[in-house]
Amino acid sequence: MKNILKQIKFIPVVALLLLTSCEDLDQVPENQFTDTTYWTSVEKAQTFLNTAYSQMQNSQYFFYNEGLSDNAYNGRGDNAGAASIGAGLYDPSLGRIKDEWKNRYAGIKTCNLILENIDRVPNADATVIARMKAETRFLRAFQHFQLTTWFGDIPLIQKDPSLAEASTLSRTSHAEVVKFILSELDAIIPALPKNTQLTAADRGKITVGAAAALKARVLLYEGDWAGVAEVTDQIIAGTYGQYSLFASYEGLFLPQNEYNSEDILSIQYVPQFRMWGEFFDMAPLSAGARLNALAPTQELVDSYLMLNGKKINEAGSGYNENNPYVNRDPRLTGTVVYDQYVWKEADGSSHVIYIKPGSSPGNATDEFVQGSSATPTGYYTRKYYDPQHTTSLNSGLNLMLFRYADILLMNAEAKNELNQMTSAVWDQTVRAVRTRAGFTDGAALGFNSALGQAGLREVIRNERRTEFGMEGLRIFDIRRWKIAENVLNGYAHGAKFGVSSVDNGYLRVNLRTFDPGKHYLWPIPRDERLINTNLSQNPNW
């Protein structure tokens, strides 16, 4: 798929499609895409499908969605609206709100144009066309899923509308949109290959496993526990392909291990052709970063267990606040850069990252200084750092949207909510994930039935947080669990570098507000409603 995606840079129609605005749902001239002289080969149709793939998600949203949650703080600028939304200080005119709507409907438009025209391709293999249509329907379903997750009721667009139609569309209920998404995923499964059937040239394309994973996530967000358990059981059993946890948590995010056994679906990037560069503003400055804009919070760091399986504030944990990063869940080191972290490069070289003020014996580049270019929280990010990066830390490393660990933890959560958590389920899911992470202590790996459903719920939720830290999933979890008002009200904190006794010396980095009466749904963009008065607004906006 990376070889195919190299073409995207040179496809003239891409620029035209990306100009589509749902301001909306603006129409570019239809004859540019529906003329029979264009749909003359599978190769030309593939250029459209490549465009739809490229519109699925972008790296900025992937990373900065963490800043919307309690896992990270966007301390400089307002990248992807993370600073405004994270603090609860936004309205329907915010650029991120407008762009989320515009870009996803642009992606839906691309998909509808493909579906309405691809059958014009002459002398095409029917199986190939069926598969391309199935991939397109997946992408259209994915775009609708993202929109309804943020906005609730949205216009459901199953065909490309005329300009007049686009300006009078009304919102379809969230329930109907979800019903459509699930029906689309069920319909396309027979036409999609398993991951084991992909050729090297097709790696990265949508598979039946990806369709099943998206279905599981949709059901998860809807709280359909029986449905989640059924789909994830099937994935684990190998019904939709062969997946397993990659042996190394740290290695999972390195370029040499792309398309590993855990990767179900990734955003595709290509060195020199299509790259992302967010790490230029996330990595330590001594590792080549420009400044630090997105930094992990103390709240995320505190969520990582001790190696004995206990929380840091739990009796008998062995946690030492003055030496806080020892004997911790190894995923902490694989995700977050902390004071005196040993930073390793691909060539085997390494250097120590000194962050605590006054701790550096010589190189103070990364030290915390209020208002400087260094980290605003006392932490940097390691996960997804690409040792093979080019200038300005640009990377062609794929970013995983769905991976097998998520399937296992979805299964654990669903089974627990159904009161079906057993030692066998635990061992297959949470124990497997922790073992891969590097836990060896029996207390950390064993099933503790004495916790009961409520206690196990907290364990599983925290496991999701530490397994997927800095991968953009936390915001969706705290919203579906309806705990956002608990974790996004009050101060987000940084490391214990403060000079006062306030909050025991932990940095106060951002005061946040989350109003459960309005913030669980984003507002419909103001510009959309000015153009189309049929679009109603969400409550309290």
Protein backbone atom coordinates (compact mmCIF):
# COMPACT_ATOMS: atom_id res chain seq x y z
CA MET A 1 0.00 0.00 0.00
CA LYS A 2 2.89 2.38 0.63
CA ASN A 3 3.97 1.93 -2.97
CA ILE A 4 0.47 2.81 -4.11
CA LEU A 5 0.27 5.80 -1.80
CA LYS A 6 3.39 7.30 -3.34
CA GLN A 7 1.13 8.20 -6.25
CA ILE A 8 -0.97 10.49 -4.09
CA LYS A 9 1.56 13.29 -4.28
CA PHE A 10 1.13 13.41 -8.04
CA ILE A 11 -2.63 12.97 -8.47
CA PRO A 12 -4.19 16.20 -9.75
CA VAL A 13 -7.67 15.27 -8.53
CA VAL A 14 -6.50 15.21 -4.93
CA ALA A 15 -6.14 18.96 -4.70
CA LEU A 16 -9.58 19.40 -6.19
CA LEU A 17 -11.17 16.94 -3.82
CA LEU A 18 -9.50 18.44 -0.79
CA LEU A 19 -10.94 21.80 -1.74
CA THR A 20 -14.42 20.44 -1.16
CA SER A 21 -15.97 22.15 1.79
CA CYS A 22 -19.09 21.12 3.55
CA GLU A 23 -19.79 24.69 4.18
CA ASP A 24 -20.73 23.37 2.89
CA LEU A 25 -20.70 20.13 1.26
CA ASP A 26 -19.68 22.46 -1.59
CA GLN A 27 -19.63 20.84 -4.97
CA VAL A 28 -16.71 20.85 -7.36
CA PRO A 29 -17.85 20.50 -10.97
CA GLU A 30 -19.36 17.04 -11.22
CA ASN A 31 -18.13 16.43 -14.77
CA GLN A 32 -14.53 16.46 -13.52
CA PHE A 33 -15.22 13.20 -11.71
CA THR A 34 -18.14 11.56 -13.47
CA ASP A 35 -17.10 12.01 -17.09
CA THR A 36 -16.80 8.63 -18.77
CA THR A 37 -13.40 9.59 -20.15
CA TYR A 38 -12.03 9.55 -16.61
CA TRP A 39 -13.36 6.19 -15.40
CA THR A 40 -11.50 4.25 -18.06
CA SER A 41 -9.30 1.93 -15.98
CA VAL A 42 -8.91 0.32 -12.60
CA GLU A 43 -5.69 2.28 -12.17
CA LYS A 44 -7.51 5.61 -12.51
CA ALA A 45 -10.20 4.44 -10.12
CA GLN A 46 -7.45 3.49 -7.69
CA THR A 47 -6.22 7.09 -7.64
CA PHE A 48 -9.59 8.09 -6.23
CA LEU A 49 -9.44 5.32 -3.66
CA ASN A 50 -5.92 6.43 -2.68
CA THR A 51 -7.36 9.87 -2.02
CA ALA A 52 -10.09 8.40 0.19
CA TYR A 53 -7.44 6.53 2.17
CA SER A 54 -5.40 9.72 2.63
CA GLN A 55 -8.46 11.51 4.01
CA MET A 56 -9.21 8.87 6.64
CA GLN A 57 -7.18 10.49 9.43
CA ASN A 58 -4.22 12.82 9.79
CA SER A 59 -1.23 12.74 12.10
CA GLN A 60 -2.06 16.01 13.82
CA TYR A 61 -5.41 14.68 15.03
CA PHE A 62 -3.81 11.34 15.92
CA PHE A 63 -1.37 12.95 18.36
CA TYR A 64 -3.11 16.11 19.49
CA ASN A 65 -6.31 14.28 20.40
CA GLU A 66 -4.31 13.30 23.49
CA GLY A 67 -4.23 16.98 24.41
CA LEU A 68 -8.03 16.96 24.50
CA SER A 69 -7.83 14.49 27.38
CA ASP A 70 -6.09 14.31 30.76
CA ASN A 71 -3.11 12.48 29.22
CA ALA A 72 -1.37 15.47 27.66
CA TYR A 73 -1.22 19.25 27.54
CA ASN A 74 -0.86 21.38 24.42
CA GLY A 75 1.11 24.24 25.93
CA ARG A 76 2.04 26.23 22.83
CA GLY A 77 -0.36 27.27 20.11
CA ASP A 78 -3.73 25.64 19.62
CA ASN A 79 -2.79 22.66 17.47
CA ALA A 80 -5.92 20.84 16.27
CA GLY A 81 -7.83 22.85 18.87
CA ALA A 82 -6.20 20.84 21.66
CA ALA A 83 -5.50 23.82 23.92
CA SER A 84 -8.99 25.30 23.58
CA ILE A 85 -10.93 22.05 23.81
CA GLY A 86 -8.72 20.62 26.55
CA ALA A 87 -9.39 23.68 28.68
CA GLY A 88 -13.08 23.76 27.79
CA LEU A 89 -12.71 27.23 26.24
CA TYR A 90 -14.21 26.96 22.77
CA ASP A 91 -17.32 27.73 20.78
CA PRO A 92 -18.87 26.73 17.42
CA SER A 93 -16.41 28.96 15.52
CA LEU A 94 -13.28 27.03 16.60
CA GLY A 95 -11.15 25.98 13.64
CA ARG A 96 -10.80 22.36 14.77
CA ILE A 97 -14.57 22.00 15.01
CA LYS A 98 -15.01 23.44 11.52
CA ASP A 99 -12.16 21.39 10.03
CA GLU A 100 -13.30 18.11 11.57
CA TRP A 101 -16.68 18.57 9.92
CA LYS A 102 -15.31 19.87 6.61
CA ASN A 103 -12.54 17.33 6.16
CA ARG A 104 -14.62 14.31 7.06
CA TYR A 105 -17.41 15.31 4.71
CA ALA A 106 -14.78 15.85 2.03
CA GLY A 107 -13.74 12.24 2.63
CA ILE A 108 -17.35 11.10 2.40
CA LYS A 109 -17.71 12.99 -0.87
CA THR A 110 -14.69 11.19 -2.30
CA CYS A 111 -16.18 7.85 -1.31
CA ASN A 112 -19.58 8.62 -2.78
CA LEU A 113 -18.04 9.71 -6.07
CA ILE A 114 -16.16 6.41 -6.24
CA LEU A 115 -19.23 4.33 -5.46
CA GLU A 116 -21.35 6.20 -8.01
CA ASN A 117 -18.84 5.91 -10.84
CA ILE A 118 -16.57 2.90 -10.42
CA ASP A 119 -18.94 0.57 -12.25
CA ARG A 120 -18.24 2.62 -15.39
CA VAL A 121 -14.74 1.14 -15.58
CA PRO A 122 -14.79 -1.14 -18.65
CA ASN A 123 -13.53 -4.73 -18.72
CA ALA A 124 -12.67 -4.68 -15.03
CA ASP A 125 -12.39 -7.81 -12.91
CA ALA A 126 -15.65 -7.97 -10.94
CA THR A 127 -13.85 -9.27 -7.85
CA VAL A 128 -11.40 -6.36 -7.91
CA ILE A 129 -14.20 -3.82 -8.27
CA ALA A 130 -16.18 -5.46 -5.47
CA ARG A 131 -13.17 -5.25 -3.17
CA MET A 132 -12.53 -1.60 -4.06
CA LYS A 133 -16.15 -0.78 -3.36
CA ALA A 134 -15.92 -2.59 -0.02
CA GLU A 135 -12.82 -0.58 0.94
CA THR A 136 -14.62 2.61 -0.06
CA ARG A 137 -17.68 1.73 2.01
CA PHE A 138 -15.43 1.06 5.01
CA LEU A 139 -13.84 4.49 4.63
CA ARG A 140 -17.24 6.15 4.32
CA ALA A 141 -18.44 4.32 7.43
CA PHE A 142 -15.29 5.34 9.30
CA GLN A 143 -15.83 9.02 8.44
CA HIS A 144 -19.44 8.89 9.58
CA PHE A 145 -18.34 7.17 12.79
CA GLN A 146 -15.86 9.93 13.61
CA LEU A 147 -18.45 12.60 12.92
CA THR A 148 -21.22 11.05 14.99
CA THR A 149 -18.81 10.34 17.85
CA TRP A 150 -17.95 14.05 18.10
CA PHE A 151 -21.21 15.68 17.03
CA GLY A 152 -23.99 13.18 17.75
CA ASP A 153 -26.73 13.69 15.16
CA ILE A 154 -25.20 14.48 11.76
CA PRO A 155 -26.27 14.52 8.10
CA LEU A 156 -26.02 10.95 6.83
CA ILE A 157 -24.70 11.21 3.26
CA GLN A 158 -25.15 8.01 1.23
CA LYS A 159 -24.89 9.66 -2.17
CA ASP A 160 -23.19 12.76 -3.47
CA PRO A 161 -25.69 15.62 -3.09
CA SER A 162 -26.34 18.42 -5.52
CA LEU A 163 -25.56 21.95 -4.37
CA ALA A 164 -29.23 22.57 -3.65
CA GLU A 165 -29.50 19.34 -1.67
CA ALA A 166 -26.34 20.07 0.28
CA SER A 167 -27.65 23.43 1.45
CA THR A 168 -30.85 21.94 2.87
CA LEU A 169 -29.64 18.76 4.55
CA SER A 170 -30.80 18.07 8.08
CA ARG A 171 -29.25 15.96 10.81
CA THR A 172 -29.89 12.23 11.08
CA SER A 173 -30.17 10.76 14.57
CA HIS A 174 -27.05 9.24 16.08
CA ALA A 175 -28.86 5.91 16.38
CA GLU A 176 -29.66 5.85 12.66
CA VAL A 177 -26.09 6.78 11.74
CA VAL A 178 -24.73 3.97 13.92
CA LYS A 179 -27.22 1.55 12.38
CA PHE A 180 -25.99 2.55 8.92
CA ILE A 181 -22.33 2.14 9.90
CA LEU A 182 -22.88 -1.34 11.33
CA SER A 183 -24.95 -2.45 8.34
CA GLU A 184 -22.21 -1.24 5.97
CA LEU A 185 -19.55 -3.14 7.86
CA ASP A 186 -21.61 -6.34 7.85
CA ALA A 187 -22.26 -5.95 4.12
CA ILE A 188 -18.63 -5.52 3.07
CA ILE A 189 -17.09 -8.38 5.06
CA PRO A 190 -17.55 -11.01 2.31
CA ALA A 191 -15.66 -8.88 -0.23
CA LEU A 192 -12.61 -8.12 1.91
CA PRO A 193 -9.51 -10.32 2.25
CA LYS A 194 -7.91 -11.49 5.48
CA ASN A 195 -4.57 -10.02 6.45
CA THR A 196 -2.92 -13.33 5.60
CA GLN A 197 -4.17 -13.02 2.01
CA LEU A 198 -2.57 -9.65 1.29
CA THR A 199 0.35 -9.42 -1.08
CA ALA A 200 3.32 -7.28 -0.07
CA ALA A 201 2.16 -4.57 -2.49
CA ASP A 202 -1.28 -4.46 -0.83
CA ARG A 203 -0.12 -4.25 2.77
CA GLY A 204 -1.96 -1.42 4.50
CA LYS A 205 -5.20 -1.91 2.61
CA ILE A 206 -8.42 -2.50 4.48
CA THR A 207 -9.02 -6.12 5.41
CA VAL A 208 -11.89 -8.07 6.91
CA GLY A 209 -10.04 -7.81 10.22
CA ALA A 210 -10.12 -4.01 9.99
CA ALA A 211 -13.87 -4.09 9.30
CA ALA A 212 -14.40 -6.33 12.33
CA ALA A 213 -12.19 -4.09 14.50
CA LEU A 214 -14.12 -0.98 13.50
CA LYS A 215 -17.38 -2.81 14.21
CA ALA A 216 -16.09 -3.73 17.66
CA ARG A 217 -15.12 -0.12 18.37
CA VAL A 218 -18.49 1.21 17.25
CA LEU A 219 -20.25 -1.30 19.50
CA LEU A 220 -17.86 -0.43 22.34
CA TYR A 221 -18.68 3.26 22.11
CA GLU A 222 -22.37 2.36 22.13
CA GLY A 223 -21.97 0.19 25.23
CA ASP A 224 -23.26 -2.90 23.41
CA TRP A 225 -21.27 -5.31 25.56
CA ALA A 226 -22.72 -8.48 24.10
CA GLY A 227 -21.93 -7.27 20.61
CA VAL A 228 -18.38 -6.30 21.56
CA ALA A 229 -17.78 -9.68 23.20
CA GLU A 230 -19.09 -11.54 20.15
CA VAL A 231 -17.01 -9.65 17.58
CA THR A 232 -13.81 -9.62 19.61
CA ASP A 233 -14.20 -13.32 20.42
CA GLN A 234 -14.34 -13.96 16.67
CA ILE A 235 -11.25 -11.84 16.02
CA ILE A 236 -9.34 -13.61 18.80
CA ALA A 237 -10.42 -16.99 17.39
CA GLY A 238 -8.98 -16.08 13.99
CA THR A 239 -12.27 -15.81 12.12
CA TYR A 240 -11.19 -12.56 10.45
CA GLY A 241 -7.48 -13.19 10.06
CA GLN A 242 -4.43 -14.01 12.14
CA TYR A 243 -3.41 -11.45 14.75
CA SER A 244 -1.27 -11.60 17.88
CA LEU A 245 0.56 -9.30 20.26
CA PHE A 246 3.94 -8.23 18.92
CA ALA A 247 6.70 -9.49 21.20
CA SER A 248 8.13 -6.08 22.12
CA TYR A 249 6.06 -3.11 23.28
CA GLU A 250 8.86 -0.68 22.47
CA GLY A 251 9.50 -2.37 19.12
CA LEU A 252 5.83 -2.19 18.18
CA PHE A 253 6.27 1.49 17.32
CA LEU A 254 9.50 1.27 15.33
CA PRO A 255 9.70 1.48 11.51
CA GLN A 256 11.42 -1.89 11.07
CA ASN A 257 8.37 -3.57 12.58
CA GLU A 258 5.63 -2.05 10.45
CA TYR A 259 2.86 -4.45 9.40
CA ASN A 260 3.61 -6.69 12.38
CA SER A 261 1.19 -9.25 13.77
CA GLU A 262 -0.56 -6.67 15.96
CA ASP A 263 -1.21 -4.03 13.32
CA ILE A 264 -4.80 -4.32 12.09
CA LEU A 265 -5.05 -0.96 10.28
CA SER A 266 -2.68 2.00 10.10
CA ILE A 267 -2.56 5.46 8.60
CA GLN A 268 -0.08 4.96 5.78
CA TYR A 269 2.96 7.18 5.40
CA VAL A 270 5.80 6.96 2.90
CA PRO A 271 9.35 8.27 3.50
CA GLN A 272 10.08 11.21 1.19
CA PHE A 273 6.57 11.13 -0.29
CA ARG A 274 4.00 11.42 2.50
CA MET A 275 5.35 12.09 5.98
CA TRP A 276 4.33 13.48 9.36
CA GLY A 277 6.32 15.80 11.60
CA GLU A 278 4.57 16.19 14.95
CA PHE A 279 7.59 14.88 16.86
CA PHE A 280 9.43 18.09 15.98
CA ASP A 281 7.30 19.61 18.76
CA MET A 282 7.05 16.56 21.06
CA ALA A 283 10.55 15.05 21.46
CA PRO A 284 13.30 16.33 23.78
CA LEU A 285 15.09 19.34 22.39
CA SER A 286 18.42 17.52 22.65
CA ALA A 287 17.01 14.85 20.32
CA GLY A 288 16.48 17.43 17.58
CA ALA A 289 13.11 18.94 18.45
CA ARG A 290 12.26 22.58 17.79
CA LEU A 291 10.21 23.20 20.93
CA ASN A 292 7.71 21.29 23.02
CA ALA A 293 4.05 21.86 22.25
CA LEU A 294 2.44 18.57 23.34
CA ALA A 295 3.63 17.08 26.62
CA PRO A 296 2.41 14.17 28.79
CA THR A 297 0.84 15.14 32.11
CA GLN A 298 1.65 13.98 35.61
CA GLU A 299 -1.79 12.37 35.66
CA LEU A 300 -0.77 10.06 32.81
CA VAL A 301 2.57 9.27 34.47
CA ASP A 302 0.84 8.47 37.77
CA SER A 303 -1.44 5.94 36.05
CA TYR A 304 1.45 3.54 35.36
CA LEU A 305 1.52 0.76 37.95
CA MET A 306 4.45 -0.50 39.94
CA LEU A 307 5.98 -3.78 38.77
CA ASN A 308 4.17 -5.59 41.58
CA GLY A 309 0.86 -4.54 40.06
CA LYS A 310 -0.01 -1.97 42.71
CA LYS A 311 -0.97 1.64 42.09
CA ILE A 312 1.61 4.16 43.26
CA ASN A 313 -0.63 5.34 46.12
CA GLU A 314 -1.50 1.82 47.23
CA ALA A 315 -0.12 0.35 50.45
CA GLY A 316 2.84 -1.89 49.81
CA SER A 317 3.52 -0.53 46.32
CA GLY A 318 7.08 0.47 47.13
CA TYR A 319 6.66 3.79 45.33
CA ASN A 320 9.21 6.46 46.26
CA GLU A 321 8.14 9.97 45.33
CA ASN A 322 11.77 11.07 45.35
CA ASN A 323 12.73 8.34 42.88
CA PRO A 324 9.43 7.95 41.06
CA TYR A 325 10.35 6.20 37.82
CA VAL A 326 11.94 3.01 39.13
CA ASN A 327 10.12 -0.33 39.30
CA ARG A 328 7.30 1.02 37.16
CA ASP A 329 5.30 -0.50 34.32
CA PRO A 330 7.84 -0.71 31.45
CA ARG A 331 5.32 0.96 29.15
CA LEU A 332 6.08 4.21 30.99
CA THR A 333 9.62 4.17 29.61
CA GLY A 334 8.30 3.18 26.20
CA THR A 335 5.91 6.15 26.15
CA VAL A 336 7.08 9.06 28.32
CA VAL A 337 10.46 10.77 28.66
CA TYR A 338 11.15 11.75 32.27
CA ASP A 339 14.05 13.29 34.19
CA GLN A 340 17.32 11.32 33.69
CA TYR A 341 15.75 9.20 30.96
CA VAL A 342 18.31 7.37 28.85
CA TRP A 343 17.53 8.40 25.27
CA LYS A 344 18.64 5.77 22.74
CA GLU A 345 19.21 6.13 19.01
CA ALA A 346 19.23 3.54 16.24
CA ASP A 347 23.02 3.55 15.96
CA GLY A 348 23.36 2.42 19.57
CA SER A 349 24.33 5.82 20.91
CA SER A 350 22.51 7.32 23.88
CA HIS A 351 22.46 10.32 26.15
CA VAL A 352 20.73 11.24 29.39
CA ILE A 353 17.78 13.65 29.31
CA TYR A 354 18.01 16.05 32.24
CA ILE A 355 14.70 17.82 32.85
CA LYS A 356 14.56 18.74 36.53
CA PRO A 357 15.83 22.32 36.96
CA GLY A 358 19.47 22.35 38.05
CA SER A 359 19.93 18.61 37.51
CA SER A 360 22.08 18.77 34.39
CA PRO A 361 25.83 18.33 34.85
CA GLY A 362 26.47 20.26 31.66
CA ASN A 363 23.78 20.17 28.94
CA ALA A 364 20.65 21.91 30.20
CA THR A 365 18.86 21.93 26.83
CA ASP A 366 15.91 19.85 28.01
CA GLU A 367 15.53 21.34 31.48
CA PHE A 368 12.16 22.70 32.50
CA VAL A 369 12.09 26.49 32.46
CA GLN A 370 8.75 28.22 32.75
CA GLY A 371 7.84 29.81 29.40
CA SER A 372 10.82 28.39 27.51
CA SER A 373 10.82 26.09 24.48
CA ALA A 374 11.29 23.08 26.76
CA THR A 375 8.49 20.89 28.06
CA PRO A 376 5.75 22.73 29.98
CA THR A 377 4.99 19.65 32.10
CA GLY A 378 8.45 18.22 32.79
CA TYR A 379 7.86 15.34 30.37
CA TYR A 380 8.47 14.62 26.68
CA THR A 381 7.17 11.81 24.46
CA ARG A 382 9.06 8.71 23.27
CA LYS A 383 6.38 6.50 21.73
CA TYR A 384 6.42 6.71 17.91
CA TYR A 385 9.80 8.42 17.84
CA ASP A 386 11.30 7.34 14.51
CA PRO A 387 15.08 6.76 14.70
CA GLN A 388 15.08 6.79 10.89
CA HIS A 389 13.60 10.30 10.76
CA THR A 390 14.67 12.90 8.24
CA THR A 391 15.19 16.64 8.73
CA SER A 392 13.00 18.24 11.41
CA LEU A 393 12.14 14.78 12.76
CA ASN A 394 9.88 14.09 9.79
CA SER A 395 8.80 10.46 9.68
CA GLY A 396 7.32 8.00 7.22
CA LEU A 397 6.34 5.62 10.02
CA ASN A 398 2.78 4.32 9.88
CA LEU A 399 0.45 5.28 12.75
CA MET A 400 -1.76 2.45 14.00
CA LEU A 401 -5.48 3.14 14.26
CA PHE A 402 -6.44 -0.40 15.29
CA ARG A 403 -4.14 -2.92 16.93
CA TYR A 404 -4.69 -6.32 18.48
CA ALA A 405 -4.08 -5.17 22.07
CA ASP A 406 -7.20 -3.02 21.69
CA ILE A 407 -9.20 -6.08 20.67
CA LEU A 408 -8.04 -7.93 23.79
CA LEU A 409 -8.83 -5.07 26.14
CA MET A 410 -12.21 -4.45 24.48
CA ASN A 411 -12.95 -8.13 25.06
CA ALA A 412 -11.92 -7.87 28.72
CA GLU A 413 -14.05 -4.79 29.27
CA ALA A 414 -17.09 -6.31 27.62
CA LYS A 415 -16.79 -9.60 29.50
CA ASN A 416 -16.45 -7.75 32.80
CA GLU A 417 -19.49 -5.59 32.09
CA LEU A 418 -21.44 -8.78 31.29
CA ASN A 419 -20.25 -10.33 34.58
CA GLN A 420 -18.39 -12.93 32.55
CA MET A 421 -14.85 -12.12 33.66
CA THR A 422 -13.04 -15.31 34.65
CA SER A 423 -9.42 -16.28 35.15
CA ALA A 424 -9.43 -17.72 31.62
CA VAL A 425 -10.71 -14.45 30.11
CA TRP A 426 -8.24 -12.47 32.22
CA ASP A 427 -5.31 -14.62 31.13
CA GLN A 428 -6.26 -14.30 27.46
CA THR A 429 -6.62 -10.54 27.64
CA VAL A 430 -5.18 -8.43 30.48
CA ARG A 431 -2.52 -10.93 31.55
CA ALA A 432 -1.38 -11.31 27.93
CA VAL A 433 -1.10 -7.55 27.48
CA ARG A 434 0.80 -7.10 30.74
CA THR A 435 3.12 -10.00 30.01
CA ARG A 436 4.03 -8.45 26.67
CA ALA A 437 4.59 -5.14 28.45
CA GLY A 438 7.23 -6.76 30.65
CA PHE A 439 5.46 -7.59 33.92
CA THR A 440 6.69 -10.79 35.60
CA ASP A 441 5.43 -10.50 39.18
CA GLY A 442 2.64 -12.97 39.88
CA ALA A 443 0.65 -10.34 41.75
CA ALA A 444 0.61 -8.13 38.65
CA LEU A 445 -0.29 -10.97 36.29
CA GLY A 446 -2.74 -13.02 38.35
CA PHE A 447 -6.53 -12.71 38.30
CA ASN A 448 -7.96 -11.21 41.49
CA SER A 449 -11.62 -12.14 41.67
CA ALA A 450 -11.92 -10.40 45.05
CA LEU A 451 -11.92 -7.05 43.25
CA GLY A 452 -15.41 -7.72 41.95
CA GLN A 453 -16.90 -6.16 38.86
CA ALA A 454 -16.38 -2.55 39.98
CA GLY A 455 -12.78 -3.11 40.98
CA LEU A 456 -11.97 -4.97 37.79
CA ARG A 457 -13.63 -2.19 35.80
CA GLU A 458 -11.12 0.29 37.20
CA VAL A 459 -8.24 -2.08 36.52
CA ILE A 460 -9.26 -2.59 32.89
CA ARG A 461 -9.87 1.10 32.32
CA ASN A 462 -6.44 1.96 33.67
CA GLU A 463 -4.92 -0.79 31.55
CA ARG A 464 -6.34 0.89 28.46
CA ARG A 465 -4.86 4.19 29.56
CA THR A 466 -1.33 2.87 30.03
CA GLU A 467 -1.38 0.57 27.00
CA PHE A 468 -2.57 3.29 24.62
CA GLY A 469 -0.97 6.38 26.20
CA MET A 470 -0.22 9.07 23.57
CA GLU A 471 -2.12 7.17 20.85
CA GLY A 472 -5.19 9.41 20.80
CA LEU A 473 -7.75 7.01 22.31
CA ARG A 474 -8.06 8.37 25.85
CA ILE A 475 -10.45 11.21 24.93
CA PHE A 476 -12.94 8.76 23.46
CA ASP A 477 -12.71 6.48 26.49
CA ILE A 478 -13.37 9.17 29.08
CA ARG A 479 -16.30 10.42 27.02
CA ARG A 480 -17.96 7.02 26.64
CA TRP A 481 -17.35 6.22 30.33
CA LYS A 482 -18.91 9.57 31.23
CA ILE A 483 -16.02 10.47 33.52
CA ALA A 484 -14.79 13.50 31.59
CA GLU A 485 -16.29 15.89 34.13
CA ASN A 486 -14.25 14.13 36.82
CA VAL A 487 -10.88 14.14 35.07
CA LEU A 488 -11.13 17.34 33.01
CA ASN A 489 -12.17 19.76 35.74
CA GLY A 490 -9.42 21.43 37.75
CA TYR A 491 -5.70 21.62 37.09
CA ALA A 492 -3.68 19.38 34.81
CA HIS A 493 -0.29 18.87 36.42
CA GLY A 494 3.33 18.41 35.53
CA ALA A 495 6.33 16.96 37.37
CA LYS A 496 7.27 17.86 40.93
CA PHE A 497 9.33 20.86 39.92
CA GLY A 498 7.21 23.50 41.66
CA VAL A 499 8.76 25.92 44.14
CA SER A 500 5.73 26.20 46.40
CA SER A 501 3.74 23.80 48.52
CA VAL A 502 0.70 24.17 46.25
CA ASP A 503 -0.34 20.70 45.04
CA ASN A 504 2.66 19.32 46.92
CA GLY A 505 5.03 20.94 44.46
CA TYR A 506 3.59 19.40 41.29
CA LEU A 507 3.39 21.94 38.48
CA ARG A 508 0.00 23.41 37.73
CA VAL A 509 0.10 23.62 33.96
CA ASN A 510 -3.48 24.15 32.83
CA LEU A 511 -6.82 24.92 34.46
CA ARG A 512 -9.51 22.90 32.75
CA THR A 513 -13.28 22.97 32.61
CA PHE A 514 -15.66 20.32 31.35
CA ASP A 515 -19.40 20.99 31.44
CA PRO A 516 -21.26 17.67 31.16
CA GLY A 517 -24.34 19.57 30.04
CA LYS A 518 -22.66 20.60 26.77
CA HIS A 519 -19.14 19.25 26.26
CA TYR A 520 -19.98 15.62 25.61
CA LEU A 521 -21.01 16.74 22.13
CA TRP A 522 -19.16 19.25 20.01
CA PRO A 523 -21.22 22.11 18.60
CA ILE A 524 -22.25 22.08 14.96
CA PRO A 525 -19.87 24.57 13.29
CA ARG A 526 -21.22 28.09 13.15
CA ASP A 527 -20.45 28.56 9.46
CA GLU A 528 -22.39 25.42 8.57
CA ARG A 529 -25.51 26.67 10.30
CA LEU A 530 -25.24 30.09 8.69
CA ILE A 531 -25.33 28.46 5.27
CA ASN A 532 -27.80 25.70 6.09
CA THR A 533 -30.49 26.74 8.54
CA ASN A 534 -31.84 23.16 8.63
CA LEU A 535 -28.90 22.15 10.81
CA SER A 536 -29.98 22.26 14.43
CA GLN A 537 -27.51 22.88 17.26
CA ASN A 538 -26.48 20.62 20.12
CA PRO A 539 -27.74 21.37 23.67
CA ASN A 540 -26.43 24.46 25.47
CA TRP A 541 -24.34 25.70 22.54
